[in-house]
C-alpha atoms as a PDB file:
ATOM      1  CA  MET A   1      17.450 -28.596  -5.460  1.00  0.00           C
ATOM      2  CA  VAL A   2      19.738 -27.468  -8.256  1.00  0.00           C
ATOM      3  CA  VAL A   3      19.261 -24.339 -10.361  1.00  0.00           C
ATOM      4  CA  TRP A   4      21.247 -23.236 -13.396  1.00  0.00           C
ATOM      5  CA  LYS A   5      21.652 -19.636 -12.227  1.00  0.00           C
ATOM      6  CA  LEU A   6      20.667 -17.911  -9.003  1.00  0.00           C
ATOM      7  CA  ASP A   7      18.250 -15.527 -10.740  1.00  0.00           C
ATOM      8  CA  ARG A   8      16.183 -18.518 -11.931  1.00  0.00           C
ATOM      9  CA  LEU A   9      14.885 -19.227  -8.413  1.00  0.00           C
ATOM     10  CA  GLY A  10      13.691 -15.893  -7.029  1.00  0.00           C
ATOM     11  CA  ARG A  11      12.232 -12.587  -8.219  1.00  0.00           C
ATOM     12  CA  ASN A  12      14.347 -10.611  -5.770  1.00  0.00           C
ATOM     13  CA  LEU A  13      16.753 -11.220  -2.897  1.00  0.00           C
ATOM     14  CA  LYS A  14      14.017 -11.405  -0.266  1.00  0.00           C
ATOM     15  CA  HIS A  15      12.016 -13.929  -2.317  1.00  0.00           C
ATOM     16  CA  LEU A  16      15.173 -15.967  -2.885  1.00  0.00           C
ATOM     17  CA  VAL A  17      16.029 -16.012   0.831  1.00  0.00           C
ATOM     18  CA  ASN A  18      12.481 -17.068   1.751  1.00  0.00           C
ATOM     19  CA  THR A  19      12.479 -19.837  -0.874  1.00  0.00           C
ATOM     20  CA  VAL A  20      15.797 -21.271   0.284  1.00  0.00           C
ATOM     21  CA  GLU A  21      14.640 -21.024   3.919  1.00  0.00           C
ATOM     22  CA  ASP A  22      11.519 -23.024   3.004  1.00  0.00           C
ATOM     23  CA  LEU A  23      13.717 -25.637   1.320  1.00  0.00           C
ATOM     24  CA  LYS A  24      15.965 -25.792   4.387  1.00  0.00           C
ATOM     25  CA  ASN A  25      12.955 -26.365   6.652  1.00  0.00           C
ATOM     26  CA  LYS A  26      12.064 -29.359   4.464  1.00  0.00           C
ATOM     27  CA  ASP A  27      15.662 -30.709   4.679  1.00  0.00           C
ATOM     28  CA  ILE A  28      16.300 -29.914   1.020  1.00  0.00           C
ATOM     29  CA  GLY A  29      19.733 -28.635   0.005  1.00  0.00           C
ATOM     30  CA  PHE A  30      20.194 -25.904  -2.600  1.00  0.00           C
ATOM     31  CA  ARG A  31      22.917 -25.546  -5.209  1.00  0.00           C
ATOM     32  CA  VAL A  32      23.636 -23.081  -8.018  1.00  0.00           C
ATOM     33  CA  LEU A  33      25.513 -24.396 -11.068  1.00  0.00           C
ATOM     34  CA  THR A  34      26.750 -21.240 -12.840  1.00  0.00           C
ATOM     35  CA  GLY A  35      26.841 -17.465 -12.627  1.00  0.00           C
ATOM     36  CA  GLN A  36      27.362 -15.121  -9.685  1.00  0.00           C
ATOM     37  CA  GLY A  37      25.832 -17.547  -7.193  1.00  0.00           C
ATOM     38  CA  ALA A  38      27.883 -20.575  -8.264  1.00  0.00           C
ATOM     39  CA  GLN A  39      29.639 -20.711  -4.881  1.00  0.00           C
ATOM     40  CA  ILE A  40      26.321 -21.377  -3.133  1.00  0.00           C
ATOM     41  CA  ASP A  41      25.685 -24.922  -2.010  1.00  0.00           C
ATOM     42  CA  THR A  42      23.680 -24.923   1.214  1.00  0.00           C
ATOM     43  CA  THR A  43      24.723 -28.492   1.929  1.00  0.00           C
ATOM     44  CA  THR A  44      28.262 -27.244   2.711  1.00  0.00           C
ATOM     45  CA  PRO A  45      29.443 -24.917   5.475  1.00  0.00           C
ATOM     46  CA  HIS A  46      30.885 -22.479   2.900  1.00  0.00           C
ATOM     47  CA  GLY A  47      27.613 -22.368   0.975  1.00  0.00           C
ATOM     48  CA  LYS A  48      25.655 -21.800   4.171  1.00  0.00           C
ATOM     49  CA  LEU A  49      27.970 -18.916   5.042  1.00  0.00           C
ATOM     50  CA  VAL A  50      27.578 -17.267   1.639  1.00  0.00           C
ATOM     51  CA  PHE A  51      23.834 -17.699   1.692  1.00  0.00           C
ATOM     52  CA  GLY A  52      23.691 -16.350   5.245  1.00  0.00           C
ATOM     53  CA  MET A  53      25.431 -13.205   3.996  1.00  0.00           C
ATOM     54  CA  PHE A  54      22.840 -12.930   1.221  1.00  0.00           C
ATOM     55  CA  ALA A  55      20.094 -13.227   3.827  1.00  0.00           C
ATOM     56  CA  ALA A  56      21.701 -10.526   5.985  1.00  0.00           C
ATOM     57  CA  LEU A  57      21.985  -8.237   2.946  1.00  0.00           C
ATOM     58  CA  ALA A  58      18.321  -8.836   2.100  1.00  0.00           C
ATOM     59  CA  GLU A  59      17.262  -7.893   5.623  1.00  0.00           C
ATOM     60  CA  PHE A  60      19.511  -4.817   5.547  1.00  0.00           C
ATOM     61  CA  GLU A  61      18.051  -3.777   2.187  1.00  0.00           C
ATOM     62  CA  ARG A  62      14.501  -4.172   3.498  1.00  0.00           C
ATOM     63  CA  GLU A  63      15.270  -2.051   6.577  1.00  0.00           C
ATOM     64  CA  LEU A  64      16.799   0.672   4.398  1.00  0.00           C
ATOM     65  CA  ILE A  65      13.659   0.763   2.267  1.00  0.00           C
ATOM     66  CA  VAL A  66      11.479   1.089   5.371  1.00  0.00           C
ATOM     67  CA  GLU A  67      13.710   3.854   6.731  1.00  0.00           C
ATOM     68  CA  ARG A  68      13.653   5.783   3.432  1.00  0.00           C
ATOM     69  CA  THR A  69       9.891   5.422   3.145  1.00  0.00           C
ATOM     70  CA  LYS A  70       9.368   6.817   6.639  1.00  0.00           C
ATOM     71  CA  ALA A  71      11.703   9.733   5.908  1.00  0.00           C
ATOM     72  CA  ASP A  72       9.891  10.495   2.645  1.00  0.00           C
ATOM     73  CA  LEU A  73       6.502  10.443   4.388  1.00  0.00           C
ATOM     74  CA  GLU A  74       7.758  12.822   7.090  1.00  0.00           C
ATOM     75  CA  ALA A  75       9.168  15.178   4.455  1.00  0.00           C
ATOM     76  CA  ALA A  76       5.857  15.127   2.571  1.00  0.00           C
ATOM     77  CA  ARG A  77       3.937  15.909   5.769  1.00  0.00           C
ATOM     78  CA  ALA A  78       6.323  18.811   6.455  1.00  0.00           C
ATOM     79  CA  ARG A  79       5.418  20.155   2.988  1.00  0.00           C
ATOM     80  CA  GLY A  80       1.723  19.930   3.920  1.00  0.00           C
ATOM     81  CA  ARG A  81       0.902  16.723   2.078  1.00  0.00           C
ATOM     82  CA  ASN A  82      -0.810  14.005   4.063  1.00  0.00           C
ATOM     83  CA  GLY A  83      -0.927  11.267   1.423  1.00  0.00           C
ATOM     84  CA  ASP A  84      -4.709  11.065   1.365  1.00  0.00           C
ATOM     85  CA  ARG A  85      -6.588  10.853  -1.873  1.00  0.00           C
ATOM     86  CA  PRO A  86      -8.092  14.218  -2.826  1.00  0.00           C
ATOM     87  CA  ARG A  87     -11.793  14.325  -1.993  1.00  0.00           C
ATOM     88  CA  LYS A  88     -14.365  15.043  -4.690  1.00  0.00           C
ATOM     89  CA  MET A  89     -16.732  16.709  -2.259  1.00  0.00           C
ATOM     90  CA  ASP A  90     -16.388  20.463  -2.013  1.00  0.00           C
ATOM     91  CA  VAL A  91     -18.617  23.072  -0.363  1.00  0.00           C
ATOM     92  CA  HIS A  92     -20.600  23.823  -3.511  1.00  0.00           C
ATOM     93  CA  LEU A  93     -21.263  20.116  -4.165  1.00  0.00           C
ATOM     94  CA  LEU A  94     -22.134  19.568  -0.506  1.00  0.00           C
ATOM     95  CA  ARG A  95     -24.762  22.316  -0.549  1.00  0.00           C
ATOM     96  CA  MET A  96     -26.320  20.857  -3.706  1.00  0.00           C
ATOM     97  CA  ALA A  97     -26.350  17.392  -2.123  1.00  0.00           C
ATOM     98  CA  MET A  98     -28.005  18.716   1.043  1.00  0.00           C
ATOM     99  CA  ALA A  99     -30.687  20.509  -0.987  1.00  0.00           C
ATOM    100  CA  ALA A 100     -31.358  17.481  -3.183  1.00  0.00           C
ATOM    101  CA  MET A 101     -31.575  15.066  -0.262  1.00  0.00           C
ATOM    102  CA  LYS A 102     -34.110  17.280   1.563  1.00  0.00           C
ATOM    103  CA  ASP A 103     -36.610  16.268  -1.112  1.00  0.00           C
ATOM    104  CA  GLN A 104     -38.543  13.288   0.279  1.00  0.00           C
ATOM    105  CA  LYS A 105     -38.789  11.752  -3.220  1.00  0.00           C
ATOM    106  CA  ALA A 106     -35.055  11.975  -3.880  1.00  0.00           C
ATOM    107  CA  VAL A 107     -33.214   8.725  -4.485  1.00  0.00           C
ATOM    108  CA  ALA A 108     -29.676   8.849  -3.109  1.00  0.00           C
ATOM    109  CA  GLN A 109     -28.263   6.829  -5.999  1.00  0.00           C
ATOM    110  CA  ASP A 110     -29.718   9.290  -8.539  1.00  0.00           C
ATOM    111  CA  VAL A 111     -28.555  12.326  -6.551  1.00  0.00           C
ATOM    112  CA  ALA A 112     -25.034  10.925  -6.317  1.00  0.00           C
ATOM    113  CA  LYS A 113     -24.958  10.113 -10.024  1.00  0.00           C
ATOM    114  CA  ARG A 114     -26.094  13.629 -10.980  1.00  0.00           C
ATOM    115  CA  LEU A 115     -23.420  15.126  -8.724  1.00  0.00           C
ATOM    116  CA  GLY A 116     -20.678  12.856 -10.098  1.00  0.00           C
ATOM    117  CA  ILE A 117     -19.947  11.142  -6.786  1.00  0.00           C
ATOM    118  CA  THR A 118     -20.628   7.715  -5.319  1.00  0.00           C
ATOM    119  CA  THR A 119     -23.521   6.982  -3.009  1.00  0.00           C
ATOM    120  CA  THR A 120     -20.958   6.159  -0.323  1.00  0.00           C
ATOM    121  CA  THR A 121     -19.427   9.621  -0.650  1.00  0.00           C
ATOM    122  CA  LEU A 122     -22.879  11.217  -0.558  1.00  0.00           C
ATOM    123  CA  TYR A 123     -23.799   9.419   2.666  1.00  0.00           C
ATOM    124  CA  MET A 124     -20.400  10.217   4.174  1.00  0.00           C
ATOM    125  CA  TYR A 125     -21.318  13.903   4.165  1.00  0.00           C
ATOM    126  CA  VAL A 126     -25.146  14.031   4.150  1.00  0.00           C
ATOM    127  CA  ASN A 127     -27.925  12.144   5.957  1.00  0.00           C
ATOM    128  CA  GLY A 128     -30.950  10.799   4.130  1.00  0.00           C
ATOM    129  CA  ASP A 129     -33.026  13.796   5.248  1.00  0.00           C
ATOM    130  CA  GLY A 130     -30.533  16.297   3.843  1.00  0.00           C
ATOM    131  CA  SER A 131     -28.956  17.235   7.156  1.00  0.00           C
ATOM    132  CA  VAL A 132     -25.192  17.481   7.228  1.00  0.00           C
ATOM    133  CA  LYS A 133     -22.966  14.874   8.895  1.00  0.00           C
ATOM    134  CA  GLU A 134     -19.731  15.590  10.788  1.00  0.00           C
ATOM    135  CA  PRO A 135     -17.363  15.436   7.758  1.00  0.00           C
ATOM    136  CA  GLY A 136     -19.733  17.763   5.903  1.00  0.00           C
ATOM    137  CA  GLN A 137     -19.835  20.111   8.863  1.00  0.00           C
ATOM    138  CA  LYS A 138     -16.039  20.222   8.953  1.00  0.00           C
ATOM    139  CA  LEU A 139     -15.969  21.013   5.231  1.00  0.00           C
ATOM    140  CA  LEU A 140     -18.407  23.876   5.758  1.00  0.00           C
ATOM    141  CA  GLU A 141     -16.384  25.244   8.677  1.00  0.00           C
ATOM    142  CA  VAL A 142     -13.129  25.133   6.701  1.00  0.00           C
ATOM    143  CA  SER A 143     -14.761  27.071   3.859  1.00  0.00           C
ATOM    144  CA  LYS A 144     -15.736  29.890   6.263  1.00  0.00           C
ATOM    145  CA  LEU A 145     -12.074  30.528   7.098  1.00  0.00           C
END
């Protein structure tokens, strides 16, 4: 396979390496005509060497990204952030949901809509009879502190 410039084949280095590896597995050579990658011709030992270095750099880059991401997550946790999406349910909303669901004629979908939450969120915290579930109980306990 021949490409005009190296950037014509892949979106990023990892994609490029994977594409050339797929070509290699199918016994297809790869050659770049112009630009920074013009020395790459995977049908020659020199081209294989250069491309192997590209592959090693791609793997190194990926590992650096993983390492930085882990470090950033640890730093965020140390600042008290856990990365979860903020919950809509608060104590006041929970108490209204419990009261509304105690009504035998209440329809969960309507209750949730009036409270501005999804039915899934409603049932995460409250049973159909208006009694509180474990996440709701935890929310109530936290509010007492």
